[in-house]
Amino acid sequence: MPSVALSVSLHHKIFDLGAFTVLPGNHRIVFSRHLMGGEDTRAKLLAHHGAGLIGPQGRECLPSVGFAAWHRAEVFKEPARE
């Protein structure tokens, strides 16, 4: 179980730092071209570039479109990878 906790902690931290964002509306994961880190770590993270989030059990738990747009505009380190 520690590997799951580590993974969640890493993703939370790099989300807060603007290394990736979640697109409003379609909930796709997009990474910044400024993503830093070791080759293995970057490869593991970038394997998720363009992937959709796994939906919650209830629609009321989906990320807010307004928050996703705010994160993209204010936190995410542009430009996005293609």
PDB file of N, CA and C in Angstrom:
ATOM      1  N   MET A   1       0.793  -1.214   0.000  1.00  0.00           N
ATOM      2  CA  MET A   1       0.000   0.000   0.000  1.00  0.00           C
ATOM      3  C   MET A   1       0.838   1.283   0.000  1.00  0.00           C
ATOM      4  N   PRO A   2       2.054   1.318   0.533  1.00  0.00           N
ATOM      5  CA  PRO A   2       2.835   2.558   0.500  1.00  0.00           C
ATOM      6  C   PRO A   2       3.062   3.095  -0.905  1.00  0.00           C
ATOM      7  N   SER A   3       3.193   2.240  -1.914  1.00  0.00           N
ATOM      8  CA  SER A   3       3.421   2.744  -3.264  1.00  0.00           C
ATOM      9  C   SER A   3       2.221   3.533  -3.769  1.00  0.00           C
ATOM     10  N   VAL A   4       1.019   3.151  -3.385  1.00  0.00           N
ATOM     11  CA  VAL A   4      -0.178   3.899  -3.777  1.00  0.00           C
ATOM     12  C   VAL A   4      -0.154   5.273  -3.113  1.00  0.00           C
ATOM     13  N   ALA A   5       0.160   5.322  -1.822  1.00  0.00           N
ATOM     14  CA  ALA A   5       0.216   6.598  -1.109  1.00  0.00           C
ATOM     15  C   ALA A   5       1.284   7.504  -1.714  1.00  0.00           C
ATOM     16  N   LEU A   6       2.429   6.950  -2.066  1.00  0.00           N
ATOM     17  CA  LEU A   6       3.492   7.732  -2.675  1.00  0.00           C
ATOM     18  C   LEU A   6       3.027   8.294  -4.007  1.00  0.00           C
ATOM     19  N   SER A   7       2.372   7.481  -4.809  1.00  0.00           N
ATOM     20  CA  SER A   7       1.890   7.917  -6.108  1.00  0.00           C
ATOM     21  C   SER A   7       0.880   9.050  -5.965  1.00  0.00           C
ATOM     22  N   VAL A   8      -0.061   8.918  -5.051  1.00  0.00           N
ATOM     23  CA  VAL A   8      -1.056   9.962  -4.839  1.00  0.00           C
ATOM     24  C   VAL A   8      -0.366  11.239  -4.376  1.00  0.00           C
ATOM     25  N   SER A   9       0.595  11.112  -3.472  1.00  0.00           N
ATOM     26  CA  SER A   9       1.326  12.277  -2.973  1.00  0.00           C
ATOM     27  C   SER A   9       2.085  12.966  -4.102  1.00  0.00           C
ATOM     28  N   LEU A  10       2.755  12.211  -4.951  1.00  0.00           N
ATOM     29  CA  LEU A  10       3.508  12.780  -6.068  1.00  0.00           C
ATOM     30  C   LEU A  10       2.579  13.513  -7.023  1.00  0.00           C
ATOM     31  N   HIS A  11       1.480  12.897  -7.411  1.00  0.00           N
ATOM     32  CA  HIS A  11       0.565  13.523  -8.358  1.00  0.00           C
ATOM     33  C   HIS A  11      -0.055  14.793  -7.767  1.00  0.00           C
ATOM     34  N   HIS A  12      -0.390  14.757  -6.485  1.00  0.00           N
ATOM     35  CA  HIS A  12      -0.952  15.943  -5.837  1.00  0.00           C
ATOM     36  C   HIS A  12       0.067  17.081  -5.870  1.00  0.00           C
ATOM     37  N   LYS A  13       1.295  16.773  -5.551  1.00  0.00           N
ATOM     38  CA  LYS A  13       2.339  17.802  -5.510  1.00  0.00           C
ATOM     39  C   LYS A  13       2.592  18.403  -6.894  1.00  0.00           C
ATOM     40  N   ILE A  14       2.729  17.570  -7.906  1.00  0.00           N
ATOM     41  CA  ILE A  14       3.030  18.115  -9.236  1.00  0.00           C
ATOM     42  C   ILE A  14       1.817  18.818  -9.850  1.00  0.00           C
ATOM     43  N   PHE A  15       0.597  18.438  -9.426  1.00  0.00           N
ATOM     44  CA  PHE A  15      -0.600  19.178  -9.843  1.00  0.00           C
ATOM     45  C   PHE A  15      -0.544  20.582  -9.249  1.00  0.00           C
ATOM     46  N   ASP A  16      -0.218  20.663  -7.949  1.00  0.00           N
ATOM     47  CA  ASP A  16      -0.121  21.963  -7.279  1.00  0.00           C
ATOM     48  C   ASP A  16       0.993  22.829  -7.860  1.00  0.00           C
ATOM     49  N   LEU A  17       2.035  22.212  -8.396  1.00  0.00           N
ATOM     50  CA  LEU A  17       3.144  22.955  -8.997  1.00  0.00           C
ATOM     51  C   LEU A  17       2.902  23.319 -10.457  1.00  0.00           C
ATOM     52  N   GLY A  18       1.794  22.837 -11.042  1.00  0.00           N
ATOM     53  CA  GLY A  18       1.457  23.187 -12.419  1.00  0.00           C
ATOM     54  C   GLY A  18       2.100  22.321 -13.473  1.00  0.00           C
ATOM     55  N   ALA A  19       2.635  21.145 -13.089  1.00  0.00           N
ATOM     56  CA  ALA A  19       3.265  20.255 -14.067  1.00  0.00           C
ATOM     57  C   ALA A  19       2.235  19.576 -14.961  1.00  0.00           C
ATOM     58  N   PHE A  20       1.011  19.415 -14.451  1.00  0.00           N
ATOM     59  CA  PHE A  20      -0.073  18.898 -15.281  1.00  0.00           C
ATOM     60  C   PHE A  20      -1.373  19.538 -14.842  1.00  0.00           C
ATOM     61  N   THR A  21      -2.366  19.446 -15.702  1.00  0.00           N
ATOM     62  CA  THR A  21      -3.689  19.963 -15.399  1.00  0.00           C
ATOM     63  C   THR A  21      -4.723  18.988 -15.946  1.00  0.00           C
ATOM     64  N   VAL A  22      -5.949  19.230 -15.589  1.00  0.00           N
ATOM     65  CA  VAL A  22      -7.073  18.435 -16.087  1.00  0.00           C
ATOM     66  C   VAL A  22      -7.949  19.384 -16.892  1.00  0.00           C
ATOM     67  N   LEU A  23      -8.168  19.043 -18.154  1.00  0.00           N
ATOM     68  CA  LEU A  23      -8.941  19.934 -19.014  1.00  0.00           C
ATOM     69  C   LEU A  23     -10.399  19.989 -18.569  1.00  0.00           C
ATOM     70  N   PRO A  24     -10.957  21.201 -18.499  1.00  0.00           N
ATOM     71  CA  PRO A  24     -12.364  21.308 -18.128  1.00  0.00           C
ATOM     72  C   PRO A  24     -13.239  20.679 -19.208  1.00  0.00           C
ATOM     73  N   GLY A  25     -14.284  20.051 -18.794  1.00  0.00           N
ATOM     74  CA  GLY A  25     -15.230  19.466 -19.747  1.00  0.00           C
ATOM     75  C   GLY A  25     -14.954  18.011 -20.062  1.00  0.00           C
ATOM     76  N   ASN A  26     -13.773  17.699 -20.615  1.00  0.00           N
ATOM     77  CA  ASN A  26     -13.514  16.308 -21.000  1.00  0.00           C
ATOM     78  C   ASN A  26     -12.638  15.558 -19.997  1.00  0.00           C
ATOM     79  N   HIS A  27     -12.114  16.260 -18.993  1.00  0.00           N
ATOM     80  CA  HIS A  27     -11.333  15.664 -17.899  1.00  0.00           C
ATOM     81  C   HIS A  27     -10.118  14.870 -18.382  1.00  0.00           C
ATOM     82  N   ARG A  28      -9.466  15.374 -19.420  1.00  0.00           N
ATOM     83  CA  ARG A  28      -8.233  14.767 -19.918  1.00  0.00           C
ATOM     84  C   ARG A  28      -7.033  15.349 -19.186  1.00  0.00           C
ATOM     85  N   ILE A  29      -6.018  14.518 -18.954  1.00  0.00           N
ATOM     86  CA  ILE A  29      -4.792  14.938 -18.281  1.00  0.00           C
ATOM     87  C   ILE A  29      -3.824  15.481 -19.332  1.00  0.00           C
ATOM     88  N   VAL A  30      -3.292  16.679 -19.076  1.00  0.00           N
ATOM     89  CA  VAL A  30      -2.350  17.313 -19.994  1.00  0.00           C
ATOM     90  C   VAL A  30      -1.120  17.741 -19.197  1.00  0.00           C
ATOM     91  N   PHE A  31       0.051  17.356 -19.679  1.00  0.00           N
ATOM     92  CA  PHE A  31       1.298  17.729 -19.018  1.00  0.00           C
ATOM     93  C   PHE A  31       1.927  18.936 -19.687  1.00  0.00           C
ATOM     94  N   SER A  32       2.666  19.684 -18.886  1.00  0.00           N
ATOM     95  CA  SER A  32       3.401  20.846 -19.358  1.00  0.00           C
ATOM     96  C   SER A  32       4.677  20.397 -20.073  1.00  0.00           C
ATOM     97  N   ARG A  33       5.122  21.210 -21.009  1.00  0.00           N
ATOM     98  CA  ARG A  33       6.422  20.957 -21.644  1.00  0.00           C
ATOM     99  C   ARG A  33       7.557  21.196 -20.656  1.00  0.00           C
ATOM    100  N   HIS A  34       7.266  21.855 -19.545  1.00  0.00           N
ATOM    101  CA  HIS A  34       8.274  22.169 -18.533  1.00  0.00           C
ATOM    102  C   HIS A  34       8.429  21.075 -17.482  1.00  0.00           C
ATOM    103  N   LEU A  35       7.809  19.935 -17.675  1.00  0.00           N
ATOM    104  CA  LEU A  35       7.906  18.836 -16.722  1.00  0.00           C
ATOM    105  C   LEU A  35       9.367  18.457 -16.527  1.00  0.00           C
ATOM    106  N   MET A  36       9.782  18.411 -15.274  1.00  0.00           N
ATOM    107  CA  MET A  36      11.167  18.081 -14.929  1.00  0.00           C
ATOM    108  C   MET A  36      11.180  16.747 -14.196  1.00  0.00           C
ATOM    109  N   GLY A  37      12.358  16.211 -14.010  1.00  0.00           N
ATOM    110  CA  GLY A  37      12.510  14.984 -13.250  1.00  0.00           C
ATOM    111  C   GLY A  37      13.383  14.000 -13.992  1.00  0.00           C
ATOM    112  N   GLY A  38      13.628  12.891 -13.337  1.00  0.00           N
ATOM    113  CA  GLY A  38      14.423  11.842 -13.945  1.00  0.00           C
ATOM    114  C   GLY A  38      13.707  11.217 -15.133  1.00  0.00           C
ATOM    115  N   GLU A  39      14.487  10.567 -15.963  1.00  0.00           N
ATOM    116  CA  GLU A  39      13.935   9.961 -17.179  1.00  0.00           C
ATOM    117  C   GLU A  39      12.831   8.953 -16.873  1.00  0.00           C
ATOM    118  N   ASP A  40      13.036   8.084 -15.878  1.00  0.00           N
ATOM    119  CA  ASP A  40      12.030   7.083 -15.518  1.00  0.00           C
ATOM    120  C   ASP A  40      10.750   7.731 -15.014  1.00  0.00           C
ATOM    121  N   THR A  41      10.900   8.717 -14.143  1.00  0.00           N
ATOM    122  CA  THR A  41       9.725   9.392 -13.587  1.00  0.00           C
ATOM    123  C   THR A  41       8.950  10.095 -14.682  1.00  0.00           C
ATOM    124  N   ARG A  42       9.644  10.837 -15.545  1.00  0.00           N
ATOM    125  CA  ARG A  42       8.958  11.529 -16.647  1.00  0.00           C
ATOM    126  C   ARG A  42       8.252  10.540 -17.554  1.00  0.00           C
ATOM    127  N   ALA A  43       8.891   9.422 -17.863  1.00  0.00           N
ATOM    128  CA  ALA A  43       8.269   8.423 -18.743  1.00  0.00           C
ATOM    129  C   ALA A  43       6.995   7.864 -18.118  1.00  0.00           C
ATOM    130  N   LYS A  44       7.044   7.590 -16.817  1.00  0.00           N
ATOM    131  CA  LYS A  44       5.855   7.055 -16.140  1.00  0.00           C
ATOM    132  C   LYS A  44       4.727   8.072 -16.109  1.00  0.00           C
ATOM    133  N   LEU A  45       5.066   9.333 -15.860  1.00  0.00           N
ATOM    134  CA  LEU A  45       4.035  10.371 -15.831  1.00  0.00           C
ATOM    135  C   LEU A  45       3.473  10.628 -17.221  1.00  0.00           C
ATOM    136  N   LEU A  46       4.361  10.752 -18.211  1.00  0.00           N
ATOM    137  CA  LEU A  46       3.906  11.094 -19.556  1.00  0.00           C
ATOM    138  C   LEU A  46       3.113   9.973 -20.215  1.00  0.00           C
ATOM    139  N   ALA A  47       3.189   8.775 -19.674  1.00  0.00           N
ATOM    140  CA  ALA A  47       2.354   7.682 -20.182  1.00  0.00           C
ATOM    141  C   ALA A  47       0.874   8.000 -19.991  1.00  0.00           C
ATOM    142  N   HIS A  48       0.569   8.951 -19.094  1.00  0.00           N
ATOM    143  CA  HIS A  48      -0.818   9.332 -18.819  1.00  0.00           C
ATOM    144  C   HIS A  48      -1.258  10.589 -19.567  1.00  0.00           C
ATOM    145  N   HIS A  49      -0.336  11.207 -20.319  1.00  0.00           N
ATOM    146  CA  HIS A  49      -0.668  12.420 -21.067  1.00  0.00           C
ATOM    147  C   HIS A  49      -1.798  12.125 -22.050  1.00  0.00           C
ATOM    148  N   GLY A  50      -2.849  12.900 -21.979  1.00  0.00           N
ATOM    149  CA  GLY A  50      -3.991  12.732 -22.875  1.00  0.00           C
ATOM    150  C   GLY A  50      -5.031  11.739 -22.391  1.00  0.00           C
ATOM    151  N   ALA A  51      -4.722  11.013 -21.323  1.00  0.00           N
ATOM    152  CA  ALA A  51      -5.677  10.035 -20.792  1.00  0.00           C
ATOM    153  C   ALA A  51      -6.794  10.760 -20.047  1.00  0.00           C
ATOM    154  N   GLY A  52      -7.944  10.127 -20.000  1.00  0.00           N
ATOM    155  CA  GLY A  52      -9.059  10.676 -19.237  1.00  0.00           C
ATOM    156  C   GLY A  52      -9.007  10.206 -17.800  1.00  0.00           C
ATOM    157  N   LEU A  53      -9.579  11.015 -16.920  1.00  0.00           N
ATOM    158  CA  LEU A  53      -9.683  10.592 -15.527  1.00  0.00           C
ATOM    159  C   LEU A  53     -10.667   9.438 -15.413  1.00  0.00           C
ATOM    160  N   ILE A  54     -10.449   8.580 -14.456  1.00  0.00           N
ATOM    161  CA  ILE A  54     -11.432   7.551 -14.141  1.00  0.00           C
ATOM    162  C   ILE A  54     -12.554   8.259 -13.410  1.00  0.00           C
ATOM    163  N   GLY A  55     -13.752   8.135 -13.916  1.00  0.00           N
ATOM    164  CA  GLY A  55     -14.880   8.858 -13.337  1.00  0.00           C
ATOM    165  C   GLY A  55     -15.244   8.385 -11.942  1.00  0.00           C
ATOM    166  N   PRO A  56     -15.748   9.296 -11.126  1.00  0.00           N
ATOM    167  CA  PRO A  56     -16.183   8.931  -9.780  1.00  0.00           C
ATOM    168  C   PRO A  56     -17.494   8.153  -9.834  1.00  0.00           C
ATOM    169  N   GLN A  57     -17.902   7.624  -8.703  1.00  0.00           N
ATOM    170  CA  GLN A  57     -19.148   6.862  -8.639  1.00  0.00           C
ATOM    171  C   GLN A  57     -20.365   7.751  -8.839  1.00  0.00           C
ATOM    172  N   GLY A  58     -20.241   9.021  -8.521  1.00  0.00           N
ATOM    173  CA  GLY A  58     -21.349   9.958  -8.708  1.00  0.00           C
ATOM    174  C   GLY A  58     -20.896  11.211  -9.418  1.00  0.00           C
ATOM    175  N   ARG A  59     -21.725  11.732 -10.317  1.00  0.00           N
ATOM    176  CA  ARG A  59     -21.361  12.923 -11.096  1.00  0.00           C
ATOM    177  C   ARG A  59     -21.086  14.143 -10.209  1.00  0.00           C
ATOM    178  N   GLU A  60     -21.683  14.164  -9.012  1.00  0.00           N
ATOM    179  CA  GLU A  60     -21.472  15.300  -8.112  1.00  0.00           C
ATOM    180  C   GLU A  60     -20.025  15.372  -7.619  1.00  0.00           C
ATOM    181  N   CYS A  61     -19.258  14.304  -7.821  1.00  0.00           N
ATOM    182  CA  CYS A  61     -17.853  14.274  -7.394  1.00  0.00           C
ATOM    183  C   CYS A  61     -16.878  14.591  -8.522  1.00  0.00           C
ATOM    184  N   LEU A  62     -17.383  14.903  -9.714  1.00  0.00           N
ATOM    185  CA  LEU A  62     -16.505  15.289 -10.822  1.00  0.00           C
ATOM    186  C   LEU A  62     -15.821  16.611 -10.490  1.00  0.00           C
ATOM    187  N   PRO A  63     -14.620  16.817 -11.010  1.00  0.00           N
ATOM    188  CA  PRO A  63     -13.959  18.108 -10.783  1.00  0.00           C
ATOM    189  C   PRO A  63     -14.806  19.248 -11.343  1.00  0.00           C
ATOM    190  N   SER A  64     -14.845  20.337 -10.640  1.00  0.00           N
ATOM    191  CA  SER A  64     -15.584  21.516 -11.074  1.00  0.00           C
ATOM    192  C   SER A  64     -14.972  22.081 -12.357  1.00  0.00           C
ATOM    193  N   VAL A  65     -15.815  22.375 -13.345  1.00  0.00           N
ATOM    194  CA  VAL A  65     -15.329  22.964 -14.595  1.00  0.00           C
ATOM    195  C   VAL A  65     -14.662  24.308 -14.298  1.00  0.00           C
ATOM    196  N   GLY A  66     -15.248  25.079 -13.380  1.00  0.00           N
ATOM    197  CA  GLY A  66     -14.675  26.372 -13.023  1.00  0.00           C
ATOM    198  C   GLY A  66     -13.305  26.245 -12.380  1.00  0.00           C
ATOM    199  N   PHE A  67     -13.137  25.269 -11.494  1.00  0.00           N
ATOM    200  CA  PHE A  67     -11.835  25.081 -10.863  1.00  0.00           C
ATOM    201  C   PHE A  67     -10.814  24.602 -11.888  1.00  0.00           C
ATOM    202  N   ALA A  68     -11.209  23.689 -12.760  1.00  0.00           N
ATOM    203  CA  ALA A  68     -10.280  23.184 -13.779  1.00  0.00           C
ATOM    204  C   ALA A  68      -9.813  24.332 -14.682  1.00  0.00           C
ATOM    205  N   ALA A  69     -10.730  25.213 -15.051  1.00  0.00           N
ATOM    206  CA  ALA A  69     -10.360  26.364 -15.888  1.00  0.00           C
ATOM    207  C   ALA A  69      -9.433  27.308 -15.125  1.00  0.00           C
ATOM    208  N   TRP A  70      -9.708  27.540 -13.831  1.00  0.00           N
ATOM    209  CA  TRP A  70      -8.846  28.394 -13.006  1.00  0.00           C
ATOM    210  C   TRP A  70      -7.442  27.789 -12.908  1.00  0.00           C
ATOM    211  N   HIS A  71      -7.365  26.471 -12.652  1.00  0.00           N
ATOM    212  CA  HIS A  71      -6.059  25.810 -12.525  1.00  0.00           C
ATOM    213  C   HIS A  71      -5.269  25.956 -13.817  1.00  0.00           C
ATOM    214  N   ARG A  72      -5.927  25.762 -14.940  1.00  0.00           N
ATOM    215  CA  ARG A  72      -5.244  25.878 -16.240  1.00  0.00           C
ATOM    216  C   ARG A  72      -4.712  27.287 -16.448  1.00  0.00           C
ATOM    217  N   ALA A  73      -5.500  28.298 -16.093  1.00  0.00           N
ATOM    218  CA  ALA A  73      -5.108  29.689 -16.327  1.00  0.00           C
ATOM    219  C   ALA A  73      -4.102  30.220 -15.304  1.00  0.00           C
ATOM    220  N   GLU A  74      -4.197  29.775 -14.056  1.00  0.00           N
ATOM    221  CA  GLU A  74      -3.423  30.394 -12.987  1.00  0.00           C
ATOM    222  C   GLU A  74      -2.252  29.560 -12.456  1.00  0.00           C
ATOM    223  N   VAL A  75      -2.304  28.239 -12.611  1.00  0.00           N
ATOM    224  CA  VAL A  75      -1.296  27.373 -11.996  1.00  0.00           C
ATOM    225  C   VAL A  75      -0.482  26.608 -13.040  1.00  0.00           C
ATOM    226  N   PHE A  76      -1.139  26.059 -14.037  1.00  0.00           N
ATOM    227  CA  PHE A  76      -0.489  25.228 -15.047  1.00  0.00           C
ATOM    228  C   PHE A  76       0.610  25.998 -15.758  1.00  0.00           C
ATOM    229  N   LYS A  77       1.749  25.353 -15.930  1.00  0.00           N
ATOM    230  CA  LYS A  77       2.910  25.963 -16.584  1.00  0.00           C
ATOM    231  C   LYS A  77       2.820  25.744 -18.090  1.00  0.00           C
ATOM    232  N   GLU A  78       2.297  26.740 -18.791  1.00  0.00           N
ATOM    233  CA  GLU A  78       2.194  26.670 -20.250  1.00  0.00           C
ATOM    234  C   GLU A  78       3.584  26.678 -20.870  1.00  0.00           C
ATOM    235  N   PRO A  79       3.773  26.134 -22.020  1.00  0.00           N
ATOM    236  CA  PRO A  79       2.775  25.536 -22.889  1.00  0.00           C
ATOM    237  C   PRO A  79       2.553  24.059 -22.560  1.00  0.00           C
ATOM    238  N   ALA A  80       1.423  23.569 -23.018  1.00  0.00           N
ATOM    239  CA  ALA A  80       1.092  22.158 -22.843  1.00  0.00           C
ATOM    240  C   ALA A  80       1.815  21.328 -23.907  1.00  0.00           C
ATOM    241  N   ARG A  81       2.070  20.082 -23.568  1.00  0.00           N
ATOM    242  CA  ARG A  81       2.604  19.146 -24.570  1.00  0.00           C
ATOM    243  C   ARG A  81       1.505  18.836 -25.583  1.00  0.00           C
ATOM    244  N   GLU A  82       1.909  18.513 -26.783  1.00  0.00           N
ATOM    245  CA  GLU A  82       0.926  18.162 -27.823  1.00  0.00           C
ATOM    246  C   GLU A  82       0.638  16.694 -27.795  1.00  0.00           C
TER     247      GLU A  82
END
